[in-house]
Each structure stands twice: as C-alpha cells, then as structure tokens.
C-alpha cells in the first residue's frame, strides 16, 4: 500500500474536481462524457470507471496567496481527506504517493 506524502499547497485543483463517482463502464459513456467536459479514469474495480466532473466548488475562492475555502471549518469529509489514492493526484498538487 502506498503512503501519501507532501502537503496541501493551496492550488485549489481538488476543489475544481468537485465530484468523483464510480459507475459501470460502457461504450456510450465516453461519448456522453466528452459532451459534458467529464474525464473518465480507470478504477481498480473491474468493469467500473471513475467520472471526474470538473466544476469548481462554489466555496472555492482564489486569492493572491492561493486557494481558500469559504466553509473550511465545516467542509465535507472528501475535502478534509484530500487525495487518498495515487490516481486522485492532479498535476500541480502538493501531495504524492510512494
């Protein structure tokens, strides 16, 4: 099992990928995703894929010092946890897995 290293660099990338959900893979899925700016990633579960829906979180605020969350103290668990798997790391993120 990989261990997460690094720290949040306040890039806001994880807040731009506001939704990551698993669904069954199908031939029609890619065409549907392409028309909606949704990225499809392979998942560890056979026959399943992860949909990354790029829609900035409405609570994300970009400042000169980096990204800030308007509801930081009460943010959802998925936001508190940060990236939990190597495939969740986005380019520019301050975390990595070893």
C-alpha atoms as a PDB file:
ATOM      1  CA  UNK A   1       0.000   0.000   0.000  1.00  0.00           C
ATOM      2  CA  UNK A   2       1.318   3.426  -0.944  1.00  0.00           C
ATOM      3  CA  UNK A   3       1.738   6.134   1.648  1.00  0.00           C
ATOM      4  CA  UNK A   4       0.719   9.715   0.917  1.00  0.00           C
ATOM      5  CA  UNK A   5       3.477  12.293   1.263  1.00  0.00           C
ATOM      6  CA  UNK A   6       3.611  16.063   0.932  1.00  0.00           C
ATOM      7  CA  UNK A   7       1.183  18.726   1.993  1.00  0.00           C
ATOM      8  CA  UNK A   8      -1.527  20.935   0.591  1.00  0.00           C
ATOM      9  CA  UNK A   9      -0.065  23.786  -1.448  1.00  0.00           C
ATOM     10  CA  UNK A  10      -3.418  25.569  -1.761  1.00  0.00           C
ATOM     11  CA  UNK A  11      -3.541  25.157  -5.531  1.00  0.00           C
ATOM     12  CA  UNK A  12      -7.310  24.559  -5.476  1.00  0.00           C
ATOM     13  CA  UNK A  13      -7.141  21.724  -8.015  1.00  0.00           C
ATOM     14  CA  UNK A  14      -9.009  19.279  -5.787  1.00  0.00           C
ATOM     15  CA  UNK A  15     -11.770  21.877  -5.436  1.00  0.00           C
ATOM     16  CA  UNK A  16     -12.079  22.135  -9.205  1.00  0.00           C
ATOM     17  CA  UNK A  17     -12.721  18.395  -9.422  1.00  0.00           C
ATOM     18  CA  UNK A  18     -15.712  18.637  -7.155  1.00  0.00           C
ATOM     19  CA  UNK A  19     -17.182  15.234  -7.926  1.00  0.00           C
ATOM     20  CA  UNK A  20     -15.592  11.811  -8.372  1.00  0.00           C
ATOM     21  CA  UNK A  21     -18.060   8.992  -8.721  1.00  0.00           C
ATOM     22  CA  UNK A  22     -17.870   5.370  -9.789  1.00  0.00           C
ATOM     23  CA  UNK A  23     -20.080   3.944 -12.483  1.00  0.00           C
ATOM     24  CA  UNK A  24     -20.205   0.923 -14.793  1.00  0.00           C
ATOM     25  CA  UNK A  25     -18.143   1.301 -17.940  1.00  0.00           C
ATOM     26  CA  UNK A  26     -19.990   1.213 -21.257  1.00  0.00           C
ATOM     27  CA  UNK A  27     -19.216   2.045 -24.898  1.00  0.00           C
ATOM     28  CA  UNK A  28     -21.593   5.027 -24.823  1.00  0.00           C
ATOM     29  CA  UNK A  29     -20.041   6.521 -21.702  1.00  0.00           C
ATOM     30  CA  UNK A  30     -17.055   8.194 -23.427  1.00  0.00           C
ATOM     31  CA  UNK A  31     -19.254   9.977 -25.976  1.00  0.00           C
ATOM     32  CA  UNK A  32     -21.565  11.164 -23.222  1.00  0.00           C
ATOM     33  CA  UNK A  33     -18.631  12.345 -21.078  1.00  0.00           C
ATOM     34  CA  UNK A  34     -16.986  14.207 -23.982  1.00  0.00           C
ATOM     35  CA  UNK A  35     -20.061  16.393 -24.455  1.00  0.00           C
ATOM     36  CA  UNK A  36     -20.009  17.366 -20.774  1.00  0.00           C
ATOM     37  CA  UNK A  37     -16.307  18.025 -20.019  1.00  0.00           C
ATOM     38  CA  UNK A  38     -16.147  14.927 -17.833  1.00  0.00           C
ATOM     39  CA  UNK A  39     -12.920  12.916 -17.579  1.00  0.00           C
ATOM     40  CA  UNK A  40     -13.084   9.141 -17.299  1.00  0.00           C
ATOM     41  CA  UNK A  41     -10.418   7.281 -15.318  1.00  0.00           C
ATOM     42  CA  UNK A  42      -9.941   3.556 -14.909  1.00  0.00           C
ATOM     43  CA  UNK A  43     -10.774   2.224 -11.475  1.00  0.00           C
ATOM     44  CA  UNK A  44      -9.402  -0.704  -9.501  1.00  0.00           C
ATOM     45  CA  UNK A  45     -12.820  -2.380  -9.596  1.00  0.00           C
ATOM     46  CA  UNK A  46     -13.314  -4.487 -12.757  1.00  0.00           C
ATOM     47  CA  UNK A  47     -15.867  -3.027 -15.146  1.00  0.00           C
ATOM     48  CA  UNK A  48     -16.017   0.264 -13.267  1.00  0.00           C
ATOM     49  CA  UNK A  49     -14.670   3.716 -14.092  1.00  0.00           C
ATOM     50  CA  UNK A  50     -14.415   6.948 -12.149  1.00  0.00           C
ATOM     51  CA  UNK A  51     -16.010  10.071 -13.561  1.00  0.00           C
ATOM     52  CA  UNK A  52     -14.237  13.318 -12.725  1.00  0.00           C
ATOM     53  CA  UNK A  53     -16.695  16.150 -13.121  1.00  0.00           C
ATOM     54  CA  UNK A  54     -14.820  19.416 -13.400  1.00  0.00           C
ATOM     55  CA  UNK A  55     -16.965  22.034 -11.814  1.00  0.00           C
ATOM     56  CA  UNK A  56     -15.310  24.397  -9.397  1.00  0.00           C
ATOM     57  CA  UNK A  57     -16.747  24.180  -5.921  1.00  0.00           C
ATOM     58  CA  UNK A  58     -18.876  27.257  -5.243  1.00  0.00           C
ATOM     59  CA  UNK A  59     -16.953  27.707  -1.971  1.00  0.00           C
ATOM     60  CA  UNK A  60     -13.551  27.960  -3.692  1.00  0.00           C
ATOM     61  CA  UNK A  61     -12.039  31.435  -3.643  1.00  0.00           C
ATOM     62  CA  UNK A  62      -8.771  32.178  -5.466  1.00  0.00           C
ATOM     63  CA  UNK A  63      -6.594  34.767  -3.747  1.00  0.00           C
ATOM     64  CA  UNK A  64      -3.090  36.051  -4.373  1.00  0.00           C
ATOM     65  CA  UNK A  65      -1.913  33.611  -1.655  1.00  0.00           C
ATOM     66  CA  UNK A  66      -3.601  30.566  -3.208  1.00  0.00           C
ATOM     67  CA  UNK A  67      -6.992  28.933  -2.946  1.00  0.00           C
ATOM     68  CA  UNK A  68      -9.208  29.435   0.080  1.00  0.00           C
ATOM     69  CA  UNK A  69     -12.377  27.667   1.151  1.00  0.00           C
ATOM     70  CA  UNK A  70     -15.336  29.731   2.372  1.00  0.00           C
ATOM     71  CA  UNK A  71     -16.562  26.821   4.517  1.00  0.00           C
ATOM     72  CA  UNK A  72     -13.185  25.405   5.575  1.00  0.00           C
ATOM     73  CA  UNK A  73     -14.216  24.672   9.182  1.00  0.00           C
ATOM     74  CA  UNK A  74     -17.292  22.692   8.071  1.00  0.00           C
ATOM     75  CA  UNK A  75     -16.068  21.321   4.714  1.00  0.00           C
ATOM     76  CA  UNK A  76     -17.210  17.815   3.643  1.00  0.00           C
ATOM     77  CA  UNK A  77     -15.184  14.722   4.554  1.00  0.00           C
ATOM     78  CA  UNK A  78     -13.985  14.249   0.964  1.00  0.00           C
ATOM     79  CA  UNK A  79     -12.410  17.703   1.189  1.00  0.00           C
ATOM     80  CA  UNK A  80     -10.838  17.052   4.593  1.00  0.00           C
ATOM     81  CA  UNK A  81      -9.365  13.751   3.437  1.00  0.00           C
ATOM     82  CA  UNK A  82      -7.714  15.198   0.350  1.00  0.00           C
ATOM     83  CA  UNK A  83      -6.371  12.766  -2.243  1.00  0.00           C
ATOM     84  CA  UNK A  84      -6.493   9.244  -0.819  1.00  0.00           C
ATOM     85  CA  UNK A  85      -5.229   7.274  -3.834  1.00  0.00           C
ATOM     86  CA  UNK A  86      -2.345   7.849  -6.255  1.00  0.00           C
ATOM     87  CA  UNK A  87      -4.756   8.189  -9.177  1.00  0.00           C
ATOM     88  CA  UNK A  88      -6.503  11.073  -7.384  1.00  0.00           C
ATOM     89  CA  UNK A  89      -3.377  13.247  -7.565  1.00  0.00           C
ATOM     90  CA  UNK A  90      -3.712  16.026 -10.120  1.00  0.00           C
ATOM     91  CA  UNK A  91      -0.737  17.736 -11.812  1.00  0.00           C
ATOM     92  CA  UNK A  92       0.446  20.587  -9.583  1.00  0.00           C
ATOM     93  CA  UNK A  93      -0.883  19.025  -6.354  1.00  0.00           C
ATOM     94  CA  UNK A  94       1.429  19.199  -3.314  1.00  0.00           C
ATOM     95  CA  UNK A  95       0.770  15.554  -2.392  1.00  0.00           C
ATOM     96  CA  UNK A  96       2.291  12.402  -3.890  1.00  0.00           C
ATOM     97  CA  UNK A  97       2.372   8.713  -3.081  1.00  0.00           C
ATOM     98  CA  UNK A  98       5.417   6.482  -2.505  1.00  0.00           C
END
